[in-house]
Amino acid sequence: MKIVFVYATFETAEQAREISRALVETRLAACANILPAHESLYWWDGAVQSASEVVVVFKTKAEVFDTLRSKIVKLHSYDCPCVVAIPIEAGHEPFLRWVKDETQ
């Protein structure tokens, strides 16, 4: 069973916290690390935009990524939220086992 980190950005810390809680409570993620607001620069609507965003790194099983992504997109305020899975190739086995055990 493969473990992934899911990197996602959110408009506010409150939104990040609410969605993170929903995903952890429903066991779609074993853990969510909410990182402080930062500035993002990006192309949108034909121009370079700047906004404050909050990053969350979720730890979960690869097999539940599609469901986790769908739930984030459903609850998110953005038209096109960043939600990507990053595969974990190796790690501390007790931690990886914990993620597996705590995720549906």
PDB file of N, CA and C in Angstrom:
ATOM      1  N   MET A   1       0.844  -1.177   0.000  1.00  0.00           N
ATOM      2  CA  MET A   1       0.000   0.000   0.000  1.00  0.00           C
ATOM      3  C   MET A   1       0.892   1.244   0.000  1.00  0.00           C
ATOM      4  N   LYS A   2       0.611   2.152  -0.900  1.00  0.00           N
ATOM      5  CA  LYS A   2       1.424   3.356  -1.055  1.00  0.00           C
ATOM      6  C   LYS A   2       0.860   4.514  -0.246  1.00  0.00           C
ATOM      7  N   ILE A   3       1.780   5.326   0.276  1.00  0.00           N
ATOM      8  CA  ILE A   3       1.440   6.533   1.009  1.00  0.00           C
ATOM      9  C   ILE A   3       1.780   7.731   0.125  1.00  0.00           C
ATOM     10  N   VAL A   4       0.935   8.759   0.189  1.00  0.00           N
ATOM     11  CA  VAL A   4       1.201  10.001  -0.532  1.00  0.00           C
ATOM     12  C   VAL A   4       1.060  11.174   0.420  1.00  0.00           C
ATOM     13  N   PHE A   5       1.801  12.220   0.120  1.00  0.00           N
ATOM     14  CA  PHE A   5       1.547  13.522   0.722  1.00  0.00           C
ATOM     15  C   PHE A   5       0.719  14.280  -0.298  1.00  0.00           C
ATOM     16  N   VAL A   6      -0.337  14.923   0.161  1.00  0.00           N
ATOM     17  CA  VAL A   6      -1.171  15.729  -0.724  1.00  0.00           C
ATOM     18  C   VAL A   6      -0.923  17.186  -0.379  1.00  0.00           C
ATOM     19  N   TYR A   7      -0.462  17.926  -1.374  1.00  0.00           N
ATOM     20  CA  TYR A   7      -0.170  19.350  -1.240  1.00  0.00           C
ATOM     21  C   TYR A   7      -1.380  20.103  -1.776  1.00  0.00           C
ATOM     22  N   ALA A   8      -1.930  20.999  -0.956  1.00  0.00           N
ATOM     23  CA  ALA A   8      -3.084  21.793  -1.382  1.00  0.00           C
ATOM     24  C   ALA A   8      -2.952  23.212  -0.834  1.00  0.00           C
ATOM     25  N   THR A   9      -3.453  24.175  -1.585  1.00  0.00           N
ATOM     26  CA  THR A   9      -3.427  25.564  -1.133  1.00  0.00           C
ATOM     27  C   THR A   9      -4.852  26.042  -0.886  1.00  0.00           C
ATOM     28  N   PHE A  10      -4.974  26.966   0.075  1.00  0.00           N
ATOM     29  CA  PHE A  10      -6.273  27.479   0.474  1.00  0.00           C
ATOM     30  C   PHE A  10      -6.232  28.992   0.603  1.00  0.00           C
ATOM     31  N   GLU A  11      -7.403  29.604   0.483  1.00  0.00           N
ATOM     32  CA  GLU A  11      -7.504  31.059   0.509  1.00  0.00           C
ATOM     33  C   GLU A  11      -7.209  31.646   1.887  1.00  0.00           C
ATOM     34  N   THR A  12      -7.651  30.956   2.939  1.00  0.00           N
ATOM     35  CA  THR A  12      -7.473  31.467   4.299  1.00  0.00           C
ATOM     36  C   THR A  12      -7.103  30.326   5.244  1.00  0.00           C
ATOM     37  N   ALA A  13      -6.556  30.693   6.403  1.00  0.00           N
ATOM     38  CA  ALA A  13      -6.252  29.697   7.427  1.00  0.00           C
ATOM     39  C   ALA A  13      -7.530  29.035   7.934  1.00  0.00           C
ATOM     40  N   GLU A  14      -8.596  29.801   8.039  1.00  0.00           N
ATOM     41  CA  GLU A  14      -9.875  29.245   8.497  1.00  0.00           C
ATOM     42  C   GLU A  14     -10.375  28.172   7.530  1.00  0.00           C
ATOM     43  N   GLN A  15     -10.327  28.468   6.231  1.00  0.00           N
ATOM     44  CA  GLN A  15     -10.761  27.489   5.240  1.00  0.00           C
ATOM     45  C   GLN A  15      -9.871  26.243   5.292  1.00  0.00           C
ATOM     46  N   ALA A  16      -8.572  26.446   5.392  1.00  0.00           N
ATOM     47  CA  ALA A  16      -7.640  25.322   5.483  1.00  0.00           C
ATOM     48  C   ALA A  16      -7.960  24.460   6.701  1.00  0.00           C
ATOM     49  N   ARG A  17      -8.213  25.085   7.828  1.00  0.00           N
ATOM     50  CA  ARG A  17      -8.514  24.361   9.067  1.00  0.00           C
ATOM     51  C   ARG A  17      -9.826  23.590   8.951  1.00  0.00           C
ATOM     52  N   GLU A  18     -10.870  24.223   8.404  1.00  0.00           N
ATOM     53  CA  GLU A  18     -12.181  23.565   8.283  1.00  0.00           C
ATOM     54  C   GLU A  18     -12.114  22.346   7.366  1.00  0.00           C
ATOM     55  N   ILE A  19     -11.476  22.504   6.223  1.00  0.00           N
ATOM     56  CA  ILE A  19     -11.385  21.392   5.275  1.00  0.00           C
ATOM     57  C   ILE A  19     -10.468  20.306   5.827  1.00  0.00           C
ATOM     58  N   SER A  20      -9.381  20.692   6.465  1.00  0.00           N
ATOM     59  CA  SER A  20      -8.479  19.713   7.071  1.00  0.00           C
ATOM     60  C   SER A  20      -9.195  18.895   8.131  1.00  0.00           C
ATOM     61  N   ARG A  21      -9.949  19.556   8.980  1.00  0.00           N
ATOM     62  CA  ARG A  21     -10.702  18.841  10.024  1.00  0.00           C
ATOM     63  C   ARG A  21     -11.683  17.851   9.398  1.00  0.00           C
ATOM     64  N   ALA A  22     -12.374  18.274   8.353  1.00  0.00           N
ATOM     65  CA  ALA A  22     -13.343  17.390   7.688  1.00  0.00           C
ATOM     66  C   ALA A  22     -12.649  16.146   7.120  1.00  0.00           C
ATOM     67  N   LEU A  23     -11.474  16.319   6.555  1.00  0.00           N
ATOM     68  CA  LEU A  23     -10.763  15.185   5.960  1.00  0.00           C
ATOM     69  C   LEU A  23     -10.179  14.251   7.007  1.00  0.00           C
ATOM     70  N   VAL A  24      -9.665  14.803   8.099  1.00  0.00           N
ATOM     71  CA  VAL A  24      -9.125  13.963   9.167  1.00  0.00           C
ATOM     72  C   VAL A  24     -10.266  13.252   9.907  1.00  0.00           C
ATOM     73  N   GLU A  25     -11.352  13.962  10.189  1.00  0.00           N
ATOM     74  CA  GLU A  25     -12.481  13.345  10.898  1.00  0.00           C
ATOM     75  C   GLU A  25     -13.094  12.195  10.113  1.00  0.00           C
ATOM     76  N   THR A  26     -13.122  12.303   8.783  1.00  0.00           N
ATOM     77  CA  THR A  26     -13.692  11.235   7.958  1.00  0.00           C
ATOM     78  C   THR A  26     -12.656  10.183   7.567  1.00  0.00           C
ATOM     79  N   ARG A  27     -11.440  10.294   8.131  1.00  0.00           N
ATOM     80  CA  ARG A  27     -10.350   9.329   7.941  1.00  0.00           C
ATOM     81  C   ARG A  27      -9.845   9.280   6.502  1.00  0.00           C
ATOM     82  N   LEU A  28     -10.063  10.357   5.736  1.00  0.00           N
ATOM     83  CA  LEU A  28      -9.466  10.438   4.405  1.00  0.00           C
ATOM     84  C   LEU A  28      -7.997  10.831   4.499  1.00  0.00           C
ATOM     85  N   ALA A  29      -7.612  11.402   5.618  1.00  0.00           N
ATOM     86  CA  ALA A  29      -6.220  11.745   5.881  1.00  0.00           C
ATOM     87  C   ALA A  29      -5.908  11.408   7.328  1.00  0.00           C
ATOM     88  N   ALA A  30      -4.698  10.913   7.560  1.00  0.00           N
ATOM     89  CA  ALA A  30      -4.275  10.630   8.929  1.00  0.00           C
ATOM     90  C   ALA A  30      -3.860  11.906   9.636  1.00  0.00           C
ATOM     91  N   CYS A  31      -3.412  12.885   8.861  1.00  0.00           N
ATOM     92  CA  CYS A  31      -2.836  14.100   9.435  1.00  0.00           C
ATOM     93  C   CYS A  31      -2.912  15.225   8.412  1.00  0.00           C
ATOM     94  N   ALA A  32      -2.991  16.444   8.903  1.00  0.00           N
ATOM     95  CA  ALA A  32      -2.936  17.629   8.044  1.00  0.00           C
ATOM     96  C   ALA A  32      -2.014  18.642   8.707  1.00  0.00           C
ATOM     97  N   ASN A  33      -0.969  19.042   8.005  1.00  0.00           N
ATOM     98  CA  ASN A  33      -0.070  20.085   8.489  1.00  0.00           C
ATOM     99  C   ASN A  33      -0.451  21.392   7.807  1.00  0.00           C
ATOM    100  N   ILE A  34      -0.920  22.347   8.594  1.00  0.00           N
ATOM    101  CA  ILE A  34      -1.325  23.649   8.074  1.00  0.00           C
ATOM    102  C   ILE A  34      -0.148  24.601   8.236  1.00  0.00           C
ATOM    103  N   LEU A  35       0.350  25.081   7.109  1.00  0.00           N
ATOM    104  CA  LEU A  35       1.519  25.953   7.101  1.00  0.00           C
ATOM    105  C   LEU A  35       1.070  27.410   7.009  1.00  0.00           C
ATOM    106  N   PRO A  36       1.825  28.326   7.578  1.00  0.00           N
ATOM    107  CA  PRO A  36       1.408  29.730   7.642  1.00  0.00           C
ATOM    108  C   PRO A  36       1.183  30.351   6.267  1.00  0.00           C
ATOM    109  N   ALA A  37       0.434  31.426   6.297  1.00  0.00           N
ATOM    110  CA  ALA A  37       0.155  32.165   5.068  1.00  0.00           C
ATOM    111  C   ALA A  37       1.454  32.607   4.408  1.00  0.00           C
ATOM    112  N   HIS A  38       1.432  32.606   3.111  1.00  0.00           N
ATOM    113  CA  HIS A  38       2.571  33.019   2.304  1.00  0.00           C
ATOM    114  C   HIS A  38       2.034  33.718   1.059  1.00  0.00           C
ATOM    115  N   GLU A  39       2.896  34.372   0.335  1.00  0.00           N
ATOM    116  CA  GLU A  39       2.468  35.037  -0.889  1.00  0.00           C
ATOM    117  C   GLU A  39       2.677  34.111  -2.075  1.00  0.00           C
ATOM    118  N   SER A  40       1.658  34.028  -2.926  1.00  0.00           N
ATOM    119  CA  SER A  40       1.749  33.247  -4.157  1.00  0.00           C
ATOM    120  C   SER A  40       1.626  34.185  -5.351  1.00  0.00           C
ATOM    121  N   LEU A  41       2.456  33.950  -6.348  1.00  0.00           N
ATOM    122  CA  LEU A  41       2.376  34.664  -7.618  1.00  0.00           C
ATOM    123  C   LEU A  41       2.013  33.639  -8.675  1.00  0.00           C
ATOM    124  N   TYR A  42       1.040  33.965  -9.542  1.00  0.00           N
ATOM    125  CA  TYR A  42       0.557  32.981 -10.508  1.00  0.00           C
ATOM    126  C   TYR A  42      -0.182  33.667 -11.654  1.00  0.00           C
ATOM    127  N   TRP A  43      -0.237  32.962 -12.775  1.00  0.00           N
ATOM    128  CA  TRP A  43      -1.022  33.429 -13.907  1.00  0.00           C
ATOM    129  C   TRP A  43      -2.484  33.051 -13.689  1.00  0.00           C
ATOM    130  N   TRP A  44      -3.399  34.020 -13.876  1.00  0.00           N
ATOM    131  CA  TRP A  44      -4.839  33.745 -13.807  1.00  0.00           C
ATOM    132  C   TRP A  44      -5.555  34.857 -14.544  1.00  0.00           C
ATOM    133  N   ASP A  45      -6.517  34.504 -15.346  1.00  0.00           N
ATOM    134  CA  ASP A  45      -7.288  35.484 -16.128  1.00  0.00           C
ATOM    135  C   ASP A  45      -6.374  36.357 -16.990  1.00  0.00           C
ATOM    136  N   GLY A  46      -5.322  35.759 -17.557  1.00  0.00           N
ATOM    137  CA  GLY A  46      -4.465  36.452 -18.496  1.00  0.00           C
ATOM    138  C   GLY A  46      -3.461  37.415 -17.904  1.00  0.00           C
ATOM    139  N   ALA A  47      -3.286  37.389 -16.587  1.00  0.00           N
ATOM    140  CA  ALA A  47      -2.345  38.318 -15.960  1.00  0.00           C
ATOM    141  C   ALA A  47      -1.699  37.657 -14.740  1.00  0.00           C
ATOM    142  N   VAL A  48      -0.563  38.194 -14.337  1.00  0.00           N
ATOM    143  CA  VAL A  48       0.084  37.716 -13.125  1.00  0.00           C
ATOM    144  C   VAL A  48      -0.684  38.262 -11.924  1.00  0.00           C
ATOM    145  N   GLN A  49      -1.055  37.366 -11.041  1.00  0.00           N
ATOM    146  CA  GLN A  49      -1.807  37.711  -9.840  1.00  0.00           C
ATOM    147  C   GLN A  49      -0.921  37.484  -8.613  1.00  0.00           C
ATOM    148  N   SER A  50      -1.298  38.090  -7.512  1.00  0.00           N
ATOM    149  CA  SER A  50      -0.623  37.890  -6.238  1.00  0.00           C
ATOM    150  C   SER A  50      -1.687  37.733  -5.165  1.00  0.00           C
ATOM    151  N   ALA A  51      -1.489  36.744  -4.283  1.00  0.00           N
ATOM    152  CA  ALA A  51      -2.460  36.530  -3.214  1.00  0.00           C
ATOM    153  C   ALA A  51      -1.780  35.840  -2.037  1.00  0.00           C
ATOM    154  N   SER A  52      -2.338  36.043  -0.881  1.00  0.00           N
ATOM    155  CA  SER A  52      -1.912  35.316   0.298  1.00  0.00           C
ATOM    156  C   SER A  52      -2.635  33.965   0.292  1.00  0.00           C
ATOM    157  N   GLU A  53      -1.892  32.877   0.535  1.00  0.00           N
ATOM    158  CA  GLU A  53      -2.481  31.545   0.581  1.00  0.00           C
ATOM    159  C   GLU A  53      -1.908  30.765   1.762  1.00  0.00           C
ATOM    160  N   VAL A  54      -2.598  29.708   2.128  1.00  0.00           N
ATOM    161  CA  VAL A  54      -2.182  28.804   3.191  1.00  0.00           C
ATOM    162  C   VAL A  54      -2.003  27.424   2.570  1.00  0.00           C
ATOM    163  N   VAL A  55      -0.895  26.767   2.866  1.00  0.00           N
ATOM    164  CA  VAL A  55      -0.616  25.422   2.358  1.00  0.00           C
ATOM    165  C   VAL A  55      -1.000  24.394   3.417  1.00  0.00           C
ATOM    166  N   VAL A  56      -1.554  23.288   2.951  1.00  0.00           N
ATOM    167  CA  VAL A  56      -1.774  22.134   3.828  1.00  0.00           C
ATOM    168  C   VAL A  56      -1.131  20.924   3.165  1.00  0.00           C
ATOM    169  N   VAL A  57      -0.406  20.151   3.982  1.00  0.00           N
ATOM    170  CA  VAL A  57       0.148  18.878   3.534  1.00  0.00           C
ATOM    171  C   VAL A  57      -0.608  17.786   4.280  1.00  0.00           C
ATOM    172  N   PHE A  58      -1.333  16.972   3.519  1.00  0.00           N
ATOM    173  CA  PHE A  58      -2.095  15.859   4.076  1.00  0.00           C
ATOM    174  C   PHE A  58      -1.292  14.583   3.907  1.00  0.00           C
ATOM    175  N   LYS A  59      -1.372  13.676   4.882  1.00  0.00           N
ATOM    176  CA  LYS A  59      -0.747  12.358   4.774  1.00  0.00           C
ATOM    177  C   LYS A  59      -1.870  11.344   4.627  1.00  0.00           C
ATOM    178  N   THR A  60      -1.803  10.536   3.563  1.00  0.00           N
ATOM    179  CA  THR A  60      -2.889   9.598   3.304  1.00  0.00           C
ATOM    180  C   THR A  60      -2.420   8.439   2.440  1.00  0.00           C
ATOM    181  N   LYS A  61      -3.310   7.494   2.191  1.00  0.00           N
ATOM    182  CA  LYS A  61      -3.043   6.378   1.294  1.00  0.00           C
ATOM    183  C   LYS A  61      -3.338   6.818  -0.139  1.00  0.00           C
ATOM    184  N   ALA A  62      -2.540   6.347  -1.060  1.00  0.00           N
ATOM    185  CA  ALA A  62      -2.751   6.680  -2.473  1.00  0.00           C
ATOM    186  C   ALA A  62      -4.142   6.256  -2.934  1.00  0.00           C
ATOM    187  N   GLU A  63      -4.632   5.161  -2.411  1.00  0.00           N
ATOM    188  CA  GLU A  63      -5.918   4.627  -2.874  1.00  0.00           C
ATOM    189  C   GLU A  63      -7.113   5.518  -2.518  1.00  0.00           C
ATOM    190  N   VAL A  64      -6.970   6.426  -1.567  1.00  0.00           N
ATOM    191  CA  VAL A  64      -8.093   7.315  -1.233  1.00  0.00           C
ATOM    192  C   VAL A  64      -7.912   8.726  -1.808  1.00  0.00           C
ATOM    193  N   PHE A  65      -6.838   8.932  -2.592  1.00  0.00           N
ATOM    194  CA  PHE A  65      -6.575  10.269  -3.116  1.00  0.00           C
ATOM    195  C   PHE A  65      -7.744  10.826  -3.917  1.00  0.00           C
ATOM    196  N   ASP A  66      -8.336  10.046  -4.798  1.00  0.00           N
ATOM    197  CA  ASP A  66      -9.429  10.570  -5.630  1.00  0.00           C
ATOM    198  C   ASP A  66     -10.594  11.077  -4.781  1.00  0.00           C
ATOM    199  N   THR A  67     -10.936  10.340  -3.739  1.00  0.00           N
ATOM    200  CA  THR A  67     -12.025  10.762  -2.848  1.00  0.00           C
ATOM    201  C   THR A  67     -11.631  12.006  -2.074  1.00  0.00           C
ATOM    202  N   LEU A  68     -10.401  12.037  -1.564  1.00  0.00           N
ATOM    203  CA  LEU A  68      -9.905  13.206  -0.830  1.00  0.00           C
ATOM    204  C   LEU A  68      -9.907  14.439  -1.736  1.00  0.00           C
ATOM    205  N   ARG A  69      -9.391  14.285  -2.955  1.00  0.00           N
ATOM    206  CA  ARG A  69      -9.356  15.406  -3.902  1.00  0.00           C
ATOM    207  C   ARG A  69     -10.764  15.915  -4.194  1.00  0.00           C
ATOM    208  N   SER A  70     -11.698  15.023  -4.422  1.00  0.00           N
ATOM    209  CA  SER A  70     -13.079  15.415  -4.711  1.00  0.00           C
ATOM    210  C   SER A  70     -13.695  16.201  -3.558  1.00  0.00           C
ATOM    211  N   LYS A  71     -13.412  15.764  -2.334  1.00  0.00           N
ATOM    212  CA  LYS A  71     -13.962  16.465  -1.173  1.00  0.00           C
ATOM    213  C   LYS A  71     -13.351  17.857  -1.044  1.00  0.00           C
ATOM    214  N   ILE A  72     -12.035  17.986  -1.254  1.00  0.00           N
ATOM    215  CA  ILE A  72     -11.403  19.304  -1.200  1.00  0.00           C
ATOM    216  C   ILE A  72     -12.021  20.218  -2.250  1.00  0.00           C
ATOM    217  N   VAL A  73     -12.121  19.738  -3.481  1.00  0.00           N
ATOM    218  CA  VAL A  73     -12.662  20.557  -4.574  1.00  0.00           C
ATOM    219  C   VAL A  73     -14.096  20.988  -4.263  1.00  0.00           C
ATOM    220  N   LYS A  74     -14.880  20.088  -3.711  1.00  0.00           N
ATOM    221  CA  LYS A  74     -16.282  20.400  -3.375  1.00  0.00           C
ATOM    222  C   LYS A  74     -16.370  21.506  -2.313  1.00  0.00           C
ATOM    223  N   LEU A  75     -15.481  21.473  -1.319  1.00  0.00           N
ATOM    224  CA  LEU A  75     -15.544  22.417  -0.203  1.00  0.00           C
ATOM    225  C   LEU A  75     -14.753  23.703  -0.445  1.00  0.00           C
ATOM    226  N   HIS A  76     -13.916  23.723  -1.472  1.00  0.00           N
ATOM    227  CA  HIS A  76     -12.977  24.815  -1.710  1.00  0.00           C
ATOM    228  C   HIS A  76     -13.654  26.025  -2.349  1.00  0.00           C
ATOM    229  N   SER A  77     -13.110  27.207  -2.080  1.00  0.00           N
ATOM    230  CA  SER A  77     -13.663  28.443  -2.651  1.00  0.00           C
ATOM    231  C   SER A  77     -13.087  28.770  -4.032  1.00  0.00           C
ATOM    232  N   TYR A  78     -11.955  28.168  -4.400  1.00  0.00           N
ATOM    233  CA  TYR A  78     -11.333  28.469  -5.693  1.00  0.00           C
ATOM    234  C   TYR A  78     -12.033  27.744  -6.838  1.00  0.00           C
ATOM    235  N   ASP A  79     -11.967  28.346  -8.031  1.00  0.00           N
ATOM    236  CA  ASP A  79     -12.467  27.684  -9.236  1.00  0.00           C
ATOM    237  C   ASP A  79     -11.560  26.523  -9.635  1.00  0.00           C
ATOM    238  N   CYS A  80     -10.264  26.666  -9.364  1.00  0.00           N
ATOM    239  CA  CYS A  80      -9.274  25.679  -9.796  1.00  0.00           C
ATOM    240  C   CYS A  80      -8.248  25.469  -8.675  1.00  0.00           C
ATOM    241  N   PRO A  81      -8.637  24.779  -7.592  1.00  0.00           N
ATOM    242  CA  PRO A  81      -7.707  24.621  -6.473  1.00  0.00           C
ATOM    243  C   PRO A  81      -6.539  23.704  -6.805  1.00  0.00           C
ATOM    244  N   CYS A  82      -5.400  24.007  -6.206  1.00  0.00           N
ATOM    245  CA  CYS A  82      -4.219  23.152  -6.313  1.00  0.00           C
ATOM    246  C   CYS A  82      -4.391  21.996  -5.330  1.00  0.00           C
ATOM    247  N   VAL A  83      -4.463  20.775  -5.858  1.00  0.00           N
ATOM    248  CA  VAL A  83      -4.542  19.564  -5.042  1.00  0.00           C
ATOM    249  C   VAL A  83      -3.735  18.505  -5.788  1.00  0.00           C
ATOM    250  N   VAL A  84      -2.531  18.195  -5.300  1.00  0.00           N
ATOM    251  CA  VAL A  84      -1.670  17.235  -5.986  1.00  0.00           C
ATOM    252  C   VAL A  84      -1.133  16.209  -5.000  1.00  0.00           C
ATOM    253  N   ALA A  85      -0.957  14.987  -5.484  1.00  0.00           N
ATOM    254  CA  ALA A  85      -0.397  13.911  -4.666  1.00  0.00           C
ATOM    255  C   ALA A  85       1.081  13.745  -4.989  1.00  0.00           C
ATOM    256  N   ILE A  86       1.873  13.630  -3.950  1.00  0.00           N
ATOM    257  CA  ILE A  86       3.318  13.429  -4.080  1.00  0.00           C
ATOM    258  C   ILE A  86       3.624  12.059  -3.475  1.00  0.00           C
ATOM    259  N   PRO A  87       4.095  11.102  -4.277  1.00  0.00           N
ATOM    260  CA  PRO A  87       4.342   9.760  -3.738  1.00  0.00           C
ATOM    261  C   PRO A  87       5.513   9.738  -2.759  1.00  0.00           C
ATOM    262  N   ILE A  88       5.375   8.929  -1.747  1.00  0.00           N
ATOM    263  CA  ILE A  88       6.434   8.721  -0.766  1.00  0.00           C
ATOM    264  C   ILE A  88       7.150   7.426  -1.151  1.00  0.00           C
ATOM    265  N   GLU A  89       8.404   7.537  -1.508  1.00  0.00           N
ATOM    266  CA  GLU A  89       9.175   6.380  -1.959  1.00  0.00           C
ATOM    267  C   GLU A  89       9.738   5.568  -0.793  1.00  0.00           C
ATOM    268  N   ALA A  90      10.069   6.237   0.293  1.00  0.00           N
ATOM    269  CA  ALA A  90      10.627   5.555   1.456  1.00  0.00           C
ATOM    270  C   ALA A  90      10.386   6.436   2.671  1.00  0.00           C
ATOM    271  N   GLY A  91      10.452   5.836   3.855  1.00  0.00           N
ATOM    272  CA  GLY A  91      10.259   6.615   5.065  1.00  0.00           C
ATOM    273  C   GLY A  91      10.417   5.759   6.308  1.00  0.00           C
ATOM    274  N   HIS A  92      10.212   6.384   7.434  1.00  0.00           N
ATOM    275  CA  HIS A  92      10.279   5.716   8.727  1.00  0.00           C
ATOM    276  C   HIS A  92       9.081   4.774   8.828  1.00  0.00           C
ATOM    277  N   GLU A  93       9.336   3.474   8.848  1.00  0.00           N
ATOM    278  CA  GLU A  93       8.269   2.481   8.760  1.00  0.00           C
ATOM    279  C   GLU A  93       7.174   2.651   9.817  1.00  0.00           C
ATOM    280  N   PRO A  94       7.494   2.922  11.084  1.00  0.00           N
ATOM    281  CA  PRO A  94       6.415   3.130  12.053  1.00  0.00           C
ATOM    282  C   PRO A  94       5.486   4.293  11.667  1.00  0.00           C
ATOM    283  N   PHE A  95       6.058   5.368  11.116  1.00  0.00           N
ATOM    284  CA  PHE A  95       5.227   6.494  10.670  1.00  0.00           C
ATOM    285  C   PHE A  95       4.349   6.081   9.496  1.00  0.00           C
ATOM    286  N   LEU A  96       4.915   5.397   8.519  1.00  0.00           N
ATOM    287  CA  LEU A  96       4.142   4.971   7.354  1.00  0.00           C
ATOM    288  C   LEU A  96       3.019   4.024   7.766  1.00  0.00           C
ATOM    289  N   ARG A  97       3.299   3.134   8.697  1.00  0.00           N
ATOM    290  CA  ARG A  97       2.283   2.211   9.202  1.00  0.00           C
ATOM    291  C   ARG A  97       1.175   2.980   9.911  1.00  0.00           C
ATOM    292  N   TRP A  98       1.550   4.011  10.684  1.00  0.00           N
ATOM    293  CA  TRP A  98       0.560   4.841  11.368  1.00  0.00           C
ATOM    294  C   TRP A  98      -0.371   5.507  10.348  1.00  0.00           C
ATOM    295  N   VAL A  99       0.187   6.067   9.278  1.00  0.00           N
ATOM    296  CA  VAL A  99      -0.652   6.695   8.244  1.00  0.00           C
ATOM    297  C   VAL A  99      -1.625   5.655   7.677  1.00  0.00           C
ATOM    298  N   LYS A 100      -1.130   4.474   7.365  1.00  0.00           N
ATOM    299  CA  LYS A 100      -1.982   3.406   6.828  1.00  0.00           C
ATOM    300  C   LYS A 100      -3.085   3.053   7.809  1.00  0.00           C
ATOM    301  N   ASP A 101      -2.739   2.912   9.085  1.00  0.00           N
ATOM    302  CA  ASP A 101      -3.703   2.502  10.105  1.00  0.00           C
ATOM    303  C   ASP A 101      -4.774   3.559  10.368  1.00  0.00           C
ATOM    304  N   GLU A 102      -4.426   4.823  10.217  1.00  0.00           N
ATOM    305  CA  GLU A 102      -5.352   5.901  10.573  1.00  0.00           C
ATOM    306  C   GLU A 102      -6.150   6.439   9.390  1.00  0.00           C
ATOM    307  N   THR A 103      -5.930   5.878   8.213  1.00  0.00           N
ATOM    308  CA  THR A 103      -6.641   6.308   7.010  1.00  0.00           C
ATOM    309  C   THR A 103      -7.540   5.199   6.530  1.00  0.00           C
ATOM    310  N   GLN A 104      -8.757   5.535   6.112  1.00  0.00           N
ATOM    311  CA  GLN A 104      -9.697   4.526   5.614  1.00  0.00           C
ATOM    312  C   GLN A 104      -9.157   3.822   4.411  1.00  0.00           C
TER     313      GLN A 104
END
